[in-house]
Amino acid sequence: MRYLHTMVRVKDLDQALHFYCKLFGLQEIRRYENEKGRFTLVFLAAPGDVDRAKDEAAPCLELTYNWDPEEYTGGR
């Protein structure tokens, strides 16, 4: 078995990137913005996994940011 990625939904993309990249030390590998779906996906990897993450798209932490605010009250 191989770790592929984990998705974390974030409310503030800039704040999340500050935490995961500046404080936690992960690096942004790629970004996907979907205007029709109104969301952005940002894929991060640990420094030792950057080359593998770029070549194989894994292992990564996926930050999912929905452009329209949504309140979460215990799951969907």
N, C-alpha and C. Protein backbone atom coordinates (compact mmCIF):
# COMPACT_ATOMS: atom_id res chain seq x y z
N MET A 1 0.84 -1.16 0.00
CA MET A 1 0.00 0.00 0.00
C MET A 1 0.89 1.24 0.00
N ARG A 2 0.43 2.29 -0.69
CA ARG A 2 1.19 3.52 -0.80
C ARG A 2 0.29 4.71 -0.49
N TYR A 3 0.80 5.64 0.28
CA TYR A 3 0.07 6.86 0.63
C TYR A 3 -0.05 7.74 -0.61
N LEU A 4 -1.26 8.15 -0.98
CA LEU A 4 -1.45 9.01 -2.14
C LEU A 4 -1.60 10.47 -1.75
N HIS A 5 -2.71 10.80 -1.11
CA HIS A 5 -2.87 12.17 -0.62
C HIS A 5 -4.03 12.25 0.37
N THR A 6 -4.03 13.35 1.11
CA THR A 6 -5.09 13.65 2.06
C THR A 6 -5.67 15.00 1.69
N MET A 7 -6.99 15.14 1.74
CA MET A 7 -7.64 16.40 1.42
C MET A 7 -8.09 17.10 2.70
N VAL A 8 -7.79 18.38 2.78
CA VAL A 8 -8.24 19.21 3.89
C VAL A 8 -8.98 20.41 3.30
N ARG A 9 -10.22 20.60 3.71
CA ARG A 9 -11.00 21.75 3.25
C ARG A 9 -10.64 22.96 4.10
N VAL A 10 -10.35 24.09 3.45
CA VAL A 10 -9.93 25.29 4.19
C VAL A 10 -10.87 26.45 3.87
N LYS A 11 -11.06 27.33 4.84
CA LYS A 11 -11.90 28.51 4.67
C LYS A 11 -11.12 29.71 4.15
N ASP A 12 -9.83 29.81 4.51
CA ASP A 12 -8.98 30.93 4.11
C ASP A 12 -7.71 30.35 3.51
N LEU A 13 -7.59 30.40 2.19
CA LEU A 13 -6.47 29.75 1.51
C LEU A 13 -5.13 30.39 1.88
N ASP A 14 -5.08 31.71 1.94
CA ASP A 14 -3.83 32.39 2.30
C ASP A 14 -3.37 32.01 3.70
N GLN A 15 -4.28 31.98 4.63
CA GLN A 15 -3.96 31.61 6.00
C GLN A 15 -3.51 30.15 6.08
N ALA A 16 -4.17 29.28 5.34
CA ALA A 16 -3.80 27.86 5.33
C ALA A 16 -2.41 27.67 4.71
N LEU A 17 -2.12 28.38 3.62
CA LEU A 17 -0.80 28.27 3.00
C LEU A 17 0.29 28.80 3.93
N HIS A 18 -0.01 29.85 4.65
CA HIS A 18 0.96 30.37 5.64
C HIS A 18 1.28 29.29 6.66
N PHE A 19 0.26 28.64 7.18
CA PHE A 19 0.47 27.60 8.19
C PHE A 19 1.24 26.42 7.62
N TYR A 20 0.74 25.84 6.52
CA TYR A 20 1.34 24.60 6.00
C TYR A 20 2.70 24.83 5.34
N CYS A 21 2.90 25.99 4.70
CA CYS A 21 4.17 26.23 4.00
C CYS A 21 5.19 26.96 4.87
N LYS A 22 4.80 28.09 5.43
CA LYS A 22 5.75 28.90 6.21
C LYS A 22 6.07 28.28 7.57
N LEU A 23 5.05 27.79 8.27
CA LEU A 23 5.26 27.29 9.62
C LEU A 23 5.55 25.78 9.66
N PHE A 24 4.88 25.02 8.80
CA PHE A 24 5.00 23.56 8.82
C PHE A 24 6.07 23.05 7.86
N GLY A 25 6.44 23.88 6.87
CA GLY A 25 7.54 23.55 5.97
C GLY A 25 7.20 22.79 4.70
N LEU A 26 5.91 22.65 4.38
CA LEU A 26 5.54 21.98 3.13
C LEU A 26 5.75 22.93 1.95
N GLN A 27 5.82 22.37 0.74
CA GLN A 27 6.03 23.16 -0.46
C GLN A 27 4.88 22.95 -1.43
N GLU A 28 4.46 24.04 -2.09
CA GLU A 28 3.39 23.92 -3.08
C GLU A 28 3.94 23.25 -4.34
N ILE A 29 3.24 22.20 -4.78
CA ILE A 29 3.66 21.42 -5.94
C ILE A 29 2.88 21.85 -7.18
N ARG A 30 1.57 21.99 -7.03
CA ARG A 30 0.75 22.43 -8.15
C ARG A 30 -0.56 23.01 -7.61
N ARG A 31 -1.24 23.73 -8.51
CA ARG A 31 -2.49 24.39 -8.16
C ARG A 31 -3.47 24.22 -9.32
N TYR A 32 -4.74 24.00 -8.98
CA TYR A 32 -5.78 23.86 -9.99
C TYR A 32 -6.94 24.74 -9.59
N GLU A 33 -7.31 25.68 -10.47
CA GLU A 33 -8.45 26.55 -10.21
C GLU A 33 -9.56 26.22 -11.20
N ASN A 34 -10.76 26.05 -10.67
CA ASN A 34 -11.91 25.70 -11.49
C ASN A 34 -12.96 26.79 -11.33
N GLU A 35 -13.05 27.68 -12.35
CA GLU A 35 -14.00 28.79 -12.27
C GLU A 35 -15.45 28.30 -12.27
N LYS A 36 -15.74 27.30 -13.09
CA LYS A 36 -17.12 26.79 -13.17
C LYS A 36 -17.56 26.18 -11.84
N GLY A 37 -16.67 25.40 -11.23
CA GLY A 37 -16.99 24.78 -9.95
C GLY A 37 -16.73 25.69 -8.76
N ARG A 38 -16.06 26.83 -9.01
CA ARG A 38 -15.77 27.85 -7.99
C ARG A 38 -14.97 27.27 -6.83
N PHE A 39 -13.85 26.61 -7.17
CA PHE A 39 -12.97 26.08 -6.13
C PHE A 39 -11.53 26.10 -6.62
N THR A 40 -10.61 26.03 -5.67
CA THR A 40 -9.18 25.93 -5.94
C THR A 40 -8.64 24.74 -5.17
N LEU A 41 -7.78 23.95 -5.83
CA LEU A 41 -7.07 22.86 -5.18
C LEU A 41 -5.59 23.21 -5.18
N VAL A 42 -4.95 23.09 -4.03
CA VAL A 42 -3.51 23.33 -3.91
C VAL A 42 -2.89 22.06 -3.34
N PHE A 43 -1.88 21.54 -4.02
CA PHE A 43 -1.22 20.31 -3.59
C PHE A 43 0.14 20.65 -2.99
N LEU A 44 0.38 20.14 -1.78
CA LEU A 44 1.61 20.41 -1.03
C LEU A 44 2.33 19.10 -0.77
N ALA A 45 3.66 19.20 -0.63
CA ALA A 45 4.45 18.01 -0.30
C ALA A 45 5.55 18.39 0.67
N ALA A 46 5.99 17.41 1.43
CA ALA A 46 7.12 17.60 2.34
C ALA A 46 8.39 17.75 1.50
N PRO A 47 9.38 18.50 2.00
CA PRO A 47 10.60 18.73 1.22
C PRO A 47 11.24 17.45 0.67
N GLY A 48 11.24 16.37 1.41
CA GLY A 48 11.84 15.13 0.95
C GLY A 48 11.01 14.39 -0.08
N ASP A 49 9.76 14.82 -0.29
CA ASP A 49 8.86 14.16 -1.23
C ASP A 49 8.55 15.00 -2.47
N VAL A 50 9.18 16.17 -2.60
CA VAL A 50 8.83 17.09 -3.69
C VAL A 50 9.02 16.46 -5.06
N ASP A 51 10.18 15.87 -5.33
CA ASP A 51 10.42 15.28 -6.65
C ASP A 51 9.44 14.16 -6.95
N ARG A 52 9.22 13.30 -5.99
CA ARG A 52 8.27 12.19 -6.19
C ARG A 52 6.85 12.73 -6.38
N ALA A 53 6.49 13.75 -5.62
CA ALA A 53 5.15 14.33 -5.74
C ALA A 53 4.95 14.96 -7.11
N LYS A 54 6.00 15.60 -7.65
CA LYS A 54 5.89 16.19 -8.99
C LYS A 54 5.80 15.11 -10.07
N ASP A 55 6.56 14.04 -9.92
CA ASP A 55 6.59 12.97 -10.92
C ASP A 55 5.37 12.05 -10.84
N GLU A 56 4.95 11.72 -9.62
CA GLU A 56 3.90 10.72 -9.43
C GLU A 56 2.61 11.27 -8.85
N ALA A 57 2.58 12.57 -8.57
CA ALA A 57 1.41 13.23 -7.95
C ALA A 57 1.08 12.66 -6.58
N ALA A 58 2.09 12.11 -5.89
CA ALA A 58 1.88 11.55 -4.55
C ALA A 58 3.23 11.41 -3.88
N PRO A 59 3.34 11.49 -2.60
CA PRO A 59 2.29 11.78 -1.63
C PRO A 59 2.09 13.29 -1.48
N CYS A 60 0.86 13.72 -1.34
CA CYS A 60 0.56 15.15 -1.25
C CYS A 60 -0.52 15.42 -0.21
N LEU A 61 -0.52 16.65 0.25
CA LEU A 61 -1.62 17.17 1.05
C LEU A 61 -2.39 18.09 0.12
N GLU A 62 -3.67 17.84 -0.08
CA GLU A 62 -4.51 18.64 -0.97
C GLU A 62 -5.33 19.61 -0.13
N LEU A 63 -5.16 20.90 -0.36
CA LEU A 63 -6.00 21.92 0.28
C LEU A 63 -7.11 22.24 -0.70
N THR A 64 -8.35 22.13 -0.25
CA THR A 64 -9.51 22.44 -1.08
C THR A 64 -10.14 23.71 -0.55
N TYR A 65 -10.21 24.72 -1.42
CA TYR A 65 -10.79 26.01 -1.04
C TYR A 65 -12.00 26.29 -1.94
N ASN A 66 -13.19 26.37 -1.34
CA ASN A 66 -14.40 26.74 -2.06
C ASN A 66 -14.53 28.25 -2.03
N TRP A 67 -14.73 28.85 -3.20
CA TRP A 67 -14.75 30.31 -3.30
C TRP A 67 -15.95 30.93 -2.59
N ASP A 68 -17.05 30.22 -2.56
CA ASP A 68 -18.25 30.75 -1.90
C ASP A 68 -18.27 30.26 -0.47
N PRO A 69 -18.48 31.17 0.49
CA PRO A 69 -18.47 30.75 1.90
C PRO A 69 -19.57 29.72 2.19
N GLU A 70 -19.21 28.80 3.05
CA GLU A 70 -20.16 27.76 3.45
C GLU A 70 -19.89 27.44 4.92
N GLU A 71 -20.93 27.44 5.72
CA GLU A 71 -20.78 27.10 7.14
C GLU A 71 -20.96 25.60 7.34
N TYR A 72 -20.07 25.01 8.09
CA TYR A 72 -20.14 23.57 8.38
C TYR A 72 -20.63 23.39 9.80
N THR A 73 -21.66 22.58 9.96
CA THR A 73 -22.26 22.39 11.27
C THR A 73 -22.33 20.91 11.62
N GLY A 74 -21.21 20.23 11.55
CA GLY A 74 -21.20 18.83 11.96
C GLY A 74 -21.15 17.84 10.82
N GLY A 75 -20.77 18.28 9.65
CA GLY A 75 -20.62 17.35 8.53
C GLY A 75 -21.79 17.41 7.57
N ARG A 76 -21.60 16.67 6.49
CA ARG A 76 -22.67 16.65 5.47
C ARG A 76 -23.42 15.36 5.52
